[in-house]
Amino acid sequence: MKIKDFLKENQISVGDNMVLLLERIGITDRDLISKIEAHIGESAKMSKSKGNVVDPEEAVERYGADTVRLYILFAAPPDQDFEWTEEGIRGAHRFLTRLWNFVMEKAVRLREVSYAGGELRSVKGKAREMRRRVHETVDGYLKDMERNFQFNTAIAKVMKLFNELSDFSPETDTDWKVLKEGVEVILLLLAPITPHICEELWREIGKEGLISEAPFPEPDREALKVEEVEIPVQVNGKVRARIRVPFGSDEETVKEVALRNERVKAYIDGKEIKRIVYVPNKLLNIVVS
């Protein structure tokens, strides 16, 4: 049996024993314990008797108040306990560092960008898809917060949006407007959780007044509408291609697009189509023999 499996089966954490051992030889390095736990055991339960209690002031001094707040609220639902780990709080710190660097790198250009309320509803292509993701996040965030203040899932949605926004490469003025809206939304959603960094970045992108006094975002229902959808095309149950069609397309339209696809044609060429099964907006399966 591996050491990790033995410790887990017997409900023994490395921290329970390593703290005592390291104290005896004069070592109190929490980082060392954290690394060992990550490789071969579970995190130690926090208690004074084990000498592994985290001092909030020490954590704030080391990582900043925003990081500590983000980690605590992200680690678990508000009605559950969680185990404090160094890797966990470092992850929160890395996220805020990435957010800071991303916004600061684009701050000069973002300060030059402005847009009217309904102006962005007419955007097309990748900009429209990016904007849909922004407003999906707002919609999901509000639902999570209304459902017993589920900060952890709300924060996860914001983190996912940030990753998507980081991959969005603005090319036109319209793209930059969509990017700025996305940045503003992320800052507004995170402001109740990490107020200090959001207040600083709010000013850096050229916004006037305090972010704490700004209206909270509401999802744009027009932006949430899907114009196109990607549908996997199966041949005899195996995915052979993916096609993009207008959302809500009927079977004939989807079938026509699929049968023109070169990859699909390669798998059905010379074979008889027995039947076609279409699940609207989700799947097209072509059965051949």
C-alpha atoms as a PDB file:
ATOM      1  CA  MET A   1       0.000   0.000   0.000  1.00  0.00           C
ATOM      2  CA  LYS A   2       1.264   3.474  -0.862  1.00  0.00           C
ATOM      3  CA  ILE A   3       1.951   5.922   1.973  1.00  0.00           C
ATOM      4  CA  LYS A   4      -0.738   8.272   0.678  1.00  0.00           C
ATOM      5  CA  ASP A   5      -3.348   5.493   0.632  1.00  0.00           C
ATOM      6  CA  PHE A   6      -2.378   4.354   4.145  1.00  0.00           C
ATOM      7  CA  LEU A   7      -2.712   7.870   5.542  1.00  0.00           C
ATOM      8  CA  LYS A   8      -6.068   8.385   3.872  1.00  0.00           C
ATOM      9  CA  GLU A   9      -7.455   5.000   4.987  1.00  0.00           C
ATOM     10  CA  ASN A  10      -6.470   5.656   8.574  1.00  0.00           C
ATOM     11  CA  GLN A  11      -7.572   9.301   8.448  1.00  0.00           C
ATOM     12  CA  ILE A  12      -4.100  10.536   9.330  1.00  0.00           C
ATOM     13  CA  SER A  13      -2.904  13.799   7.849  1.00  0.00           C
ATOM     14  CA  VAL A  14       0.721  14.551   7.263  1.00  0.00           C
ATOM     15  CA  GLY A  15       0.314  17.800   9.158  1.00  0.00           C
ATOM     16  CA  ASP A  16      -0.798  15.992  12.308  1.00  0.00           C
ATOM     17  CA  ASN A  17       2.541  14.255  12.550  1.00  0.00           C
ATOM     18  CA  MET A  18       4.915  16.472  10.619  1.00  0.00           C
ATOM     19  CA  VAL A  19       4.232  19.523  12.786  1.00  0.00           C
ATOM     20  CA  LEU A  20       5.278  17.616  15.896  1.00  0.00           C
ATOM     21  CA  LEU A  21       8.321  16.129  14.191  1.00  0.00           C
ATOM     22  CA  LEU A  22       9.535  19.379  12.684  1.00  0.00           C
ATOM     23  CA  GLU A  23       8.992  21.282  15.924  1.00  0.00           C
ATOM     24  CA  ARG A  24      11.199  18.752  17.741  1.00  0.00           C
ATOM     25  CA  ILE A  25      14.053  19.434  15.333  1.00  0.00           C
ATOM     26  CA  GLY A  26      13.460  23.192  15.271  1.00  0.00           C
ATOM     27  CA  ILE A  27      11.760  23.592  11.894  1.00  0.00           C
ATOM     28  CA  THR A  28       8.458  25.483  11.624  1.00  0.00           C
ATOM     29  CA  ASP A  29       8.302  26.015   7.871  1.00  0.00           C
ATOM     30  CA  ARG A  30       4.633  25.785   6.835  1.00  0.00           C
ATOM     31  CA  ASP A  31       5.594  25.830   3.157  1.00  0.00           C
ATOM     32  CA  LEU A  32       7.583  22.624   3.640  1.00  0.00           C
ATOM     33  CA  ILE A  33       4.606  20.925   5.312  1.00  0.00           C
ATOM     34  CA  SER A  34       2.317  22.103   2.516  1.00  0.00           C
ATOM     35  CA  LYS A  35       4.593  20.610  -0.144  1.00  0.00           C
ATOM     36  CA  ILE A  36       4.743  17.271   1.640  1.00  0.00           C
ATOM     37  CA  GLU A  37       0.963  17.195   2.050  1.00  0.00           C
ATOM     38  CA  ALA A  38       0.473  17.905  -1.640  1.00  0.00           C
ATOM     39  CA  HIS A  39       2.550  14.849  -2.577  1.00  0.00           C
ATOM     40  CA  ILE A  40       1.689  12.145  -0.053  1.00  0.00           C
ATOM     41  CA  GLY A  41      -1.134  13.101   2.269  1.00  0.00           C
ATOM     42  CA  GLU A  42      -4.121  15.162   3.225  1.00  0.00           C
ATOM     43  CA  SER A  43      -4.103  18.607   4.752  1.00  0.00           C
ATOM     44  CA  ALA A  44      -4.023  18.839   8.499  1.00  0.00           C
ATOM     45  CA  LYS A  45      -7.138  19.920  10.345  1.00  0.00           C
ATOM     46  CA  MET A  46      -6.521  23.337  11.812  1.00  0.00           C
ATOM     47  CA  SER A  47      -6.343  23.418  15.616  1.00  0.00           C
ATOM     48  CA  LYS A  48      -4.306  25.102  18.340  1.00  0.00           C
ATOM     49  CA  SER A  49      -3.147  21.771  19.757  1.00  0.00           C
ATOM     50  CA  LYS A  50      -1.408  20.930  16.488  1.00  0.00           C
ATOM     51  CA  GLY A  51       0.227  24.327  16.202  1.00  0.00           C
ATOM     52  CA  ASN A  52      -1.100  24.863  12.692  1.00  0.00           C
ATOM     53  CA  VAL A  53      -3.522  27.732  13.230  1.00  0.00           C
ATOM     54  CA  VAL A  54      -3.236  30.468  10.586  1.00  0.00           C
ATOM     55  CA  ASP A  55      -3.035  34.004  11.936  1.00  0.00           C
ATOM     56  CA  PRO A  56      -5.295  36.188   9.759  1.00  0.00           C
ATOM     57  CA  GLU A  57      -3.060  39.209  10.283  1.00  0.00           C
ATOM     58  CA  GLU A  58      -0.040  37.237   9.133  1.00  0.00           C
ATOM     59  CA  ALA A  59      -1.894  36.008   6.038  1.00  0.00           C
ATOM     60  CA  VAL A  60      -3.099  39.524   5.227  1.00  0.00           C
ATOM     61  CA  GLU A  61       0.403  40.926   5.643  1.00  0.00           C
ATOM     62  CA  ARG A  62       1.859  38.264   3.378  1.00  0.00           C
ATOM     63  CA  TYR A  63      -0.767  38.080   0.642  1.00  0.00           C
ATOM     64  CA  GLY A  64      -3.015  41.123   1.113  1.00  0.00           C
ATOM     65  CA  ALA A  65      -6.572  41.422   2.392  1.00  0.00           C
ATOM     66  CA  ASP A  66      -8.116  40.875  -1.049  1.00  0.00           C
ATOM     67  CA  THR A  67      -6.338  37.556  -1.514  1.00  0.00           C
ATOM     68  CA  VAL A  68      -7.442  36.305   1.897  1.00  0.00           C
ATOM     69  CA  ARG A  69     -11.047  37.350   1.279  1.00  0.00           C
ATOM     70  CA  LEU A  70     -11.058  35.745  -2.173  1.00  0.00           C
ATOM     71  CA  TYR A  71      -9.582  32.482  -0.899  1.00  0.00           C
ATOM     72  CA  ILE A  72     -11.957  32.144   2.046  1.00  0.00           C
ATOM     73  CA  LEU A  73     -15.054  32.828  -0.068  1.00  0.00           C
ATOM     74  CA  PHE A  74     -13.892  30.663  -2.982  1.00  0.00           C
ATOM     75  CA  ALA A  75     -12.711  27.654  -0.971  1.00  0.00           C
ATOM     76  CA  ALA A  76     -16.156  26.330   0.000  1.00  0.00           C
ATOM     77  CA  PRO A  77     -19.860  27.201   0.265  1.00  0.00           C
ATOM     78  CA  PRO A  78     -20.636  29.518   3.207  1.00  0.00           C
ATOM     79  CA  ASP A  79     -22.391  26.747   5.161  1.00  0.00           C
ATOM     80  CA  GLN A  80     -19.435  24.331   5.028  1.00  0.00           C
ATOM     81  CA  ASP A  81     -16.021  24.110   6.677  1.00  0.00           C
ATOM     82  CA  PHE A  82     -12.873  24.103   4.606  1.00  0.00           C
ATOM     83  CA  GLU A  83      -9.208  23.242   5.081  1.00  0.00           C
ATOM     84  CA  TRP A  84      -6.740  26.088   4.807  1.00  0.00           C
ATOM     85  CA  THR A  85      -3.847  25.248   2.488  1.00  0.00           C
ATOM     86  CA  GLU A  86      -0.916  27.329   1.352  1.00  0.00           C
ATOM     87  CA  GLU A  87      -1.426  26.174  -2.221  1.00  0.00           C
ATOM     88  CA  GLY A  88      -5.022  27.356  -2.088  1.00  0.00           C
ATOM     89  CA  ILE A  89      -4.226  30.875  -0.971  1.00  0.00           C
ATOM     90  CA  ARG A  90      -1.331  31.060  -3.415  1.00  0.00           C
ATOM     91  CA  GLY A  91      -3.765  30.167  -6.184  1.00  0.00           C
ATOM     92  CA  ALA A  92      -6.017  33.063  -5.169  1.00  0.00           C
ATOM     93  CA  HIS A  93      -3.001  35.367  -5.128  1.00  0.00           C
ATOM     94  CA  ARG A  94      -1.916  34.194  -8.586  1.00  0.00           C
ATOM     95  CA  PHE A  95      -5.374  34.920  -9.981  1.00  0.00           C
ATOM     96  CA  LEU A  96      -5.421  38.480  -8.642  1.00  0.00           C
ATOM     97  CA  THR A  97      -1.884  39.040  -9.922  1.00  0.00           C
ATOM     98  CA  ARG A  98      -2.934  37.873 -13.392  1.00  0.00           C
ATOM     99  CA  LEU A  99      -5.978  40.143 -13.280  1.00  0.00           C
ATOM    100  CA  TRP A 100      -3.858  43.124 -12.236  1.00  0.00           C
ATOM    101  CA  ASN A 101      -1.249  42.519 -14.957  1.00  0.00           C
ATOM    102  CA  PHE A 102      -3.884  41.945 -17.649  1.00  0.00           C
ATOM    103  CA  VAL A 103      -5.744  45.183 -16.933  1.00  0.00           C
ATOM    104  CA  MET A 104      -2.622  47.281 -16.422  1.00  0.00           C
ATOM    105  CA  GLU A 105      -1.139  46.104 -19.733  1.00  0.00           C
ATOM    106  CA  LYS A 106      -4.256  47.338 -21.544  1.00  0.00           C
ATOM    107  CA  ALA A 107      -5.148  50.279 -19.309  1.00  0.00           C
ATOM    108  CA  VAL A 108      -3.960  53.032 -21.662  1.00  0.00           C
ATOM    109  CA  ARG A 109      -6.002  51.700 -24.573  1.00  0.00           C
ATOM    110  CA  LEU A 110      -9.022  50.995 -22.371  1.00  0.00           C
ATOM    111  CA  ARG A 111      -9.017  54.581 -21.094  1.00  0.00           C
ATOM    112  CA  GLU A 112      -9.446  55.744 -24.695  1.00  0.00           C
ATOM    113  CA  VAL A 113     -12.504  53.527 -25.238  1.00  0.00           C
ATOM    114  CA  SER A 114     -16.091  54.508 -24.474  1.00  0.00           C
ATOM    115  CA  TYR A 115     -19.433  53.111 -25.574  1.00  0.00           C
ATOM    116  CA  ALA A 116     -23.117  53.877 -25.229  1.00  0.00           C
ATOM    117  CA  GLY A 117     -25.541  51.557 -23.462  1.00  0.00           C
ATOM    118  CA  GLY A 118     -27.174  49.811 -26.433  1.00  0.00           C
ATOM    119  CA  GLU A 119     -24.346  50.334 -28.896  1.00  0.00           C
ATOM    120  CA  LEU A 120     -22.819  46.887 -28.417  1.00  0.00           C
ATOM    121  CA  ARG A 121     -26.022  44.968 -29.137  1.00  0.00           C
ATOM    122  CA  SER A 122     -25.286  45.109 -32.873  1.00  0.00           C
ATOM    123  CA  VAL A 123     -21.792  43.561 -32.725  1.00  0.00           C
ATOM    124  CA  LYS A 124     -21.171  40.410 -34.741  1.00  0.00           C
ATOM    125  CA  GLY A 125     -18.823  37.441 -34.884  1.00  0.00           C
ATOM    126  CA  LYS A 126     -16.312  36.786 -32.127  1.00  0.00           C
ATOM    127  CA  ALA A 127     -17.163  40.075 -30.420  1.00  0.00           C
ATOM    128  CA  ARG A 128     -20.813  39.041 -30.093  1.00  0.00           C
ATOM    129  CA  GLU A 129     -19.818  35.619 -28.736  1.00  0.00           C
ATOM    130  CA  MET A 130     -17.505  37.254 -26.198  1.00  0.00           C
ATOM    131  CA  ARG A 131     -20.248  39.621 -25.130  1.00  0.00           C
ATOM    132  CA  ARG A 132     -22.664  36.707 -24.725  1.00  0.00           C
ATOM    133  CA  ARG A 133     -20.215  35.023 -22.366  1.00  0.00           C
ATOM    134  CA  VAL A 134     -19.878  38.233 -20.369  1.00  0.00           C
ATOM    135  CA  HIS A 135     -23.616  38.504 -19.820  1.00  0.00           C
ATOM    136  CA  GLU A 136     -23.997  34.765 -19.175  1.00  0.00           C
ATOM    137  CA  THR A 137     -21.531  35.263 -16.341  1.00  0.00           C
ATOM    138  CA  VAL A 138     -23.515  38.178 -14.927  1.00  0.00           C
ATOM    139  CA  ASP A 139     -26.704  36.119 -15.107  1.00  0.00           C
ATOM    140  CA  GLY A 140     -25.120  33.087 -13.427  1.00  0.00           C
ATOM    141  CA  TYR A 141     -23.373  35.184 -10.782  1.00  0.00           C
ATOM    142  CA  LEU A 142     -26.609  36.861  -9.708  1.00  0.00           C
ATOM    143  CA  LYS A 143     -28.393  33.513  -9.480  1.00  0.00           C
ATOM    144  CA  ASP A 144     -25.590  32.054  -7.346  1.00  0.00           C
ATOM    145  CA  MET A 145     -25.643  35.012  -4.988  1.00  0.00           C
ATOM    146  CA  GLU A 146     -29.411  34.915  -4.673  1.00  0.00           C
ATOM    147  CA  ARG A 147     -29.207  31.205  -3.824  1.00  0.00           C
ATOM    148  CA  ASN A 148     -27.827  31.397  -0.260  1.00  0.00           C
ATOM    149  CA  PHE A 149     -24.852  33.569  -1.229  1.00  0.00           C
ATOM    150  CA  GLN A 150     -22.943  30.884  -3.120  1.00  0.00           C
ATOM    151  CA  PHE A 151     -19.765  32.943  -3.362  1.00  0.00           C
ATOM    152  CA  ASN A 152     -17.620  29.975  -4.385  1.00  0.00           C
ATOM    153  CA  THR A 153     -19.540  29.156  -7.574  1.00  0.00           C
ATOM    154  CA  ALA A 154     -20.051  32.844  -8.361  1.00  0.00           C
ATOM    155  CA  ILE A 155     -16.297  33.435  -8.131  1.00  0.00           C
ATOM    156  CA  ALA A 156     -15.615  30.362 -10.281  1.00  0.00           C
ATOM    157  CA  LYS A 157     -17.791  31.866 -13.022  1.00  0.00           C
ATOM    158  CA  VAL A 158     -15.848  35.145 -12.874  1.00  0.00           C
ATOM    159  CA  MET A 159     -12.542  33.275 -13.072  1.00  0.00           C
ATOM    160  CA  LYS A 160     -13.753  31.370 -16.132  1.00  0.00           C
ATOM    161  CA  LEU A 161     -14.842  34.617 -17.778  1.00  0.00           C
ATOM    162  CA  PHE A 162     -11.443  36.163 -17.069  1.00  0.00           C
ATOM    163  CA  ASN A 163      -9.707  33.230 -18.783  1.00  0.00           C
ATOM    164  CA  GLU A 164     -11.958  33.655 -21.829  1.00  0.00           C
ATOM    165  CA  LEU A 165     -11.423  37.411 -21.879  1.00  0.00           C
ATOM    166  CA  SER A 166      -7.659  36.864 -21.677  1.00  0.00           C
ATOM    167  CA  ASP A 167      -7.858  34.796 -24.885  1.00  0.00           C
ATOM    168  CA  PHE A 168      -9.921  37.464 -26.670  1.00  0.00           C
ATOM    169  CA  SER A 169      -7.677  39.449 -29.029  1.00  0.00           C
ATOM    170  CA  PRO A 170      -9.252  42.815 -29.914  1.00  0.00           C
ATOM    171  CA  GLU A 171      -8.572  43.941 -33.478  1.00  0.00           C
ATOM    172  CA  THR A 172     -11.113  46.705 -34.109  1.00  0.00           C
ATOM    173  CA  ASP A 173     -12.469  49.593 -32.059  1.00  0.00           C
ATOM    174  CA  THR A 174     -15.637  47.569 -31.515  1.00  0.00           C
ATOM    175  CA  ASP A 175     -13.593  44.659 -30.156  1.00  0.00           C
ATOM    176  CA  TRP A 176     -11.935  47.020 -27.676  1.00  0.00           C
ATOM    177  CA  LYS A 177     -15.329  48.277 -26.545  1.00  0.00           C
ATOM    178  CA  VAL A 178     -16.448  44.696 -25.911  1.00  0.00           C
ATOM    179  CA  LEU A 179     -13.205  44.033 -24.035  1.00  0.00           C
ATOM    180  CA  LYS A 180     -13.715  47.114 -21.883  1.00  0.00           C
ATOM    181  CA  GLU A 181     -17.265  46.060 -21.051  1.00  0.00           C
ATOM    182  CA  GLY A 182     -15.923  42.650 -20.053  1.00  0.00           C
ATOM    183  CA  VAL A 183     -13.235  44.151 -17.814  1.00  0.00           C
ATOM    184  CA  GLU A 184     -15.772  46.475 -16.184  1.00  0.00           C
ATOM    185  CA  VAL A 185     -18.109  43.544 -15.499  1.00  0.00           C
ATOM    186  CA  ILE A 186     -15.331  41.458 -13.924  1.00  0.00           C
ATOM    187  CA  LEU A 187     -14.320  44.326 -11.649  1.00  0.00           C
ATOM    188  CA  LEU A 188     -17.919  45.040 -10.639  1.00  0.00           C
ATOM    189  CA  LEU A 189     -18.610  41.379  -9.862  1.00  0.00           C
ATOM    190  CA  LEU A 190     -15.414  41.032  -7.831  1.00  0.00           C
ATOM    191  CA  ALA A 191     -15.734  44.375  -6.039  1.00  0.00           C
ATOM    192  CA  PRO A 192     -17.790  43.014  -3.101  1.00  0.00           C
ATOM    193  CA  ILE A 193     -15.169  40.273  -2.655  1.00  0.00           C
ATOM    194  CA  THR A 194     -11.870  42.006  -3.465  1.00  0.00           C
ATOM    195  CA  PRO A 195     -12.690  45.709  -3.086  1.00  0.00           C
ATOM    196  CA  HIS A 196      -9.179  47.170  -2.941  1.00  0.00           C
ATOM    197  CA  ILE A 197      -7.740  45.852  -6.208  1.00  0.00           C
ATOM    198  CA  CYS A 198     -11.029  46.473  -8.025  1.00  0.00           C
ATOM    199  CA  GLU A 199     -11.140  50.079  -6.850  1.00  0.00           C
ATOM    200  CA  GLU A 200      -7.592  50.653  -8.119  1.00  0.00           C
ATOM    201  CA  LEU A 201      -8.199  49.011 -11.497  1.00  0.00           C
ATOM    202  CA  TRP A 202     -11.525  50.823 -11.910  1.00  0.00           C
ATOM    203  CA  ARG A 203      -9.627  54.106 -11.806  1.00  0.00           C
ATOM    204  CA  GLU A 204      -6.860  52.784 -14.085  1.00  0.00           C
ATOM    205  CA  ILE A 205      -9.287  52.052 -16.922  1.00  0.00           C
ATOM    206  CA  GLY A 206     -10.612  55.598 -16.769  1.00  0.00           C
ATOM    207  CA  LYS A 207     -13.802  55.200 -14.780  1.00  0.00           C
ATOM    208  CA  GLU A 208     -14.898  58.136 -12.654  1.00  0.00           C
ATOM    209  CA  GLY A 209     -16.147  57.830  -9.104  1.00  0.00           C
ATOM    210  CA  LEU A 210     -15.852  54.859  -6.789  1.00  0.00           C
ATOM    211  CA  ILE A 211     -16.638  51.370  -8.003  1.00  0.00           C
ATOM    212  CA  SER A 212     -18.537  50.844  -4.758  1.00  0.00           C
ATOM    213  CA  GLU A 213     -20.980  53.525  -5.891  1.00  0.00           C
ATOM    214  CA  ALA A 214     -21.346  52.259  -9.465  1.00  0.00           C
ATOM    215  CA  PRO A 215     -24.553  50.453 -10.525  1.00  0.00           C
ATOM    216  CA  PHE A 216     -24.254  46.686 -10.325  1.00  0.00           C
ATOM    217  CA  PRO A 217     -24.411  45.000 -13.755  1.00  0.00           C
ATOM    218  CA  GLU A 218     -27.569  43.382 -15.059  1.00  0.00           C
ATOM    219  CA  PRO A 219     -27.557  40.758 -17.842  1.00  0.00           C
ATOM    220  CA  ASP A 220     -28.451  42.059 -21.289  1.00  0.00           C
ATOM    221  CA  ARG A 221     -31.111  39.617 -22.500  1.00  0.00           C
ATOM    222  CA  GLU A 222     -30.360  40.460 -26.128  1.00  0.00           C
ATOM    223  CA  ALA A 223     -26.726  39.540 -25.623  1.00  0.00           C
ATOM    224  CA  LEU A 224     -27.731  36.178 -24.147  1.00  0.00           C
ATOM    225  CA  LYS A 225     -29.422  35.096 -27.366  1.00  0.00           C
ATOM    226  CA  VAL A 226     -27.403  32.559 -29.344  1.00  0.00           C
ATOM    227  CA  GLU A 227     -27.050  33.318 -33.066  1.00  0.00           C
ATOM    228  CA  GLU A 228     -25.001  30.295 -34.079  1.00  0.00           C
ATOM    229  CA  VAL A 229     -24.363  26.912 -32.552  1.00  0.00           C
ATOM    230  CA  GLU A 230     -21.685  24.281 -33.156  1.00  0.00           C
ATOM    231  CA  ILE A 231     -23.151  20.837 -33.768  1.00  0.00           C
ATOM    232  CA  PRO A 232     -21.139  17.592 -33.795  1.00  0.00           C
ATOM    233  CA  VAL A 233     -21.861  15.378 -36.801  1.00  0.00           C
ATOM    234  CA  GLN A 234     -21.665  11.647 -36.178  1.00  0.00           C
ATOM    235  CA  VAL A 235     -21.397   8.902 -38.747  1.00  0.00           C
ATOM    236  CA  ASN A 236     -22.588   5.603 -37.287  1.00  0.00           C
ATOM    237  CA  GLY A 237     -22.267   7.013 -33.775  1.00  0.00           C
ATOM    238  CA  LYS A 238     -18.740   8.437 -34.062  1.00  0.00           C
ATOM    239  CA  VAL A 239     -18.061  12.178 -34.289  1.00  0.00           C
ATOM    240  CA  ARG A 240     -16.497  12.901 -37.659  1.00  0.00           C
ATOM    241  CA  ALA A 241     -16.954  16.677 -37.959  1.00  0.00           C
ATOM    242  CA  ARG A 242     -18.379  19.782 -36.315  1.00  0.00           C
ATOM    243  CA  ILE A 243     -20.459  22.322 -38.188  1.00  0.00           C
ATOM    244  CA  ARG A 244     -21.794  25.773 -37.339  1.00  0.00           C
ATOM    245  CA  VAL A 245     -25.393  26.586 -38.160  1.00  0.00           C
ATOM    246  CA  PRO A 246     -27.881  29.280 -37.107  1.00  0.00           C
ATOM    247  CA  PHE A 247     -29.419  28.525 -33.729  1.00  0.00           C
ATOM    248  CA  GLY A 248     -32.776  26.818 -34.118  1.00  0.00           C
ATOM    249  CA  SER A 249     -32.073  25.504 -37.641  1.00  0.00           C
ATOM    250  CA  ASP A 250     -34.388  22.747 -38.847  1.00  0.00           C
ATOM    251  CA  GLU A 251     -33.201  19.264 -39.778  1.00  0.00           C
ATOM    252  CA  GLU A 252     -33.099  19.904 -43.529  1.00  0.00           C
ATOM    253  CA  THR A 253     -30.842  22.937 -43.120  1.00  0.00           C
ATOM    254  CA  VAL A 254     -28.445  21.126 -40.783  1.00  0.00           C
ATOM    255  CA  LYS A 255     -28.402  18.017 -42.982  1.00  0.00           C
ATOM    256  CA  GLU A 256     -27.580  20.097 -46.056  1.00  0.00           C
ATOM    257  CA  VAL A 257     -24.637  21.793 -44.312  1.00  0.00           C
ATOM    258  CA  ALA A 258     -23.377  18.462 -42.917  1.00  0.00           C
ATOM    259  CA  LEU A 259     -23.498  16.651 -46.262  1.00  0.00           C
ATOM    260  CA  ARG A 260     -21.397  19.424 -47.843  1.00  0.00           C
ATOM    261  CA  ASN A 261     -18.699  19.021 -45.207  1.00  0.00           C
ATOM    262  CA  GLU A 262     -15.569  17.399 -46.670  1.00  0.00           C
ATOM    263  CA  ARG A 263     -14.857  15.260 -43.602  1.00  0.00           C
ATOM    264  CA  VAL A 264     -18.411  13.955 -43.535  1.00  0.00           C
ATOM    265  CA  LYS A 265     -18.344  13.198 -47.260  1.00  0.00           C
ATOM    266  CA  ALA A 266     -15.184  11.136 -46.804  1.00  0.00           C
ATOM    267  CA  TYR A 267     -16.986   8.820 -44.367  1.00  0.00           C
ATOM    268  CA  ILE A 268     -20.233   8.414 -46.322  1.00  0.00           C
ATOM    269  CA  ASP A 269     -18.865   8.343 -49.860  1.00  0.00           C
ATOM    270  CA  GLY A 270     -20.069   5.212 -51.669  1.00  0.00           C
ATOM    271  CA  LYS A 271     -22.333   4.176 -48.784  1.00  0.00           C
ATOM    272  CA  GLU A 272     -26.094   4.189 -48.425  1.00  0.00           C
ATOM    273  CA  ILE A 273     -27.644   6.582 -45.914  1.00  0.00           C
ATOM    274  CA  LYS A 274     -30.138   4.541 -43.911  1.00  0.00           C
ATOM    275  CA  ARG A 275     -31.432   7.291 -41.672  1.00  0.00           C
ATOM    276  CA  ILE A 276     -30.530  10.613 -40.064  1.00  0.00           C
ATOM    277  CA  VAL A 277     -31.197  11.485 -36.432  1.00  0.00           C
ATOM    278  CA  TYR A 278     -31.201  15.164 -35.484  1.00  0.00           C
ATOM    279  CA  VAL A 279     -31.322  16.525 -31.940  1.00  0.00           C
ATOM    280  CA  PRO A 280     -32.067  20.257 -32.371  1.00  0.00           C
ATOM    281  CA  ASN A 281     -29.041  22.483 -31.649  1.00  0.00           C
ATOM    282  CA  LYS A 282     -27.097  19.529 -30.214  1.00  0.00           C
ATOM    283  CA  LEU A 283     -26.329  16.618 -32.556  1.00  0.00           C
ATOM    284  CA  LEU A 284     -26.700  15.143 -36.048  1.00  0.00           C
ATOM    285  CA  ASN A 285     -26.126  11.414 -36.501  1.00  0.00           C
ATOM    286  CA  ILE A 286     -25.931   9.861 -39.984  1.00  0.00           C
ATOM    287  CA  VAL A 287     -26.424   6.107 -40.162  1.00  0.00           C
ATOM    288  CA  VAL A 288     -24.878   4.462 -43.234  1.00  0.00           C
ATOM    289  CA  SER A 289     -24.198   0.942 -44.456  1.00  0.00           C
END
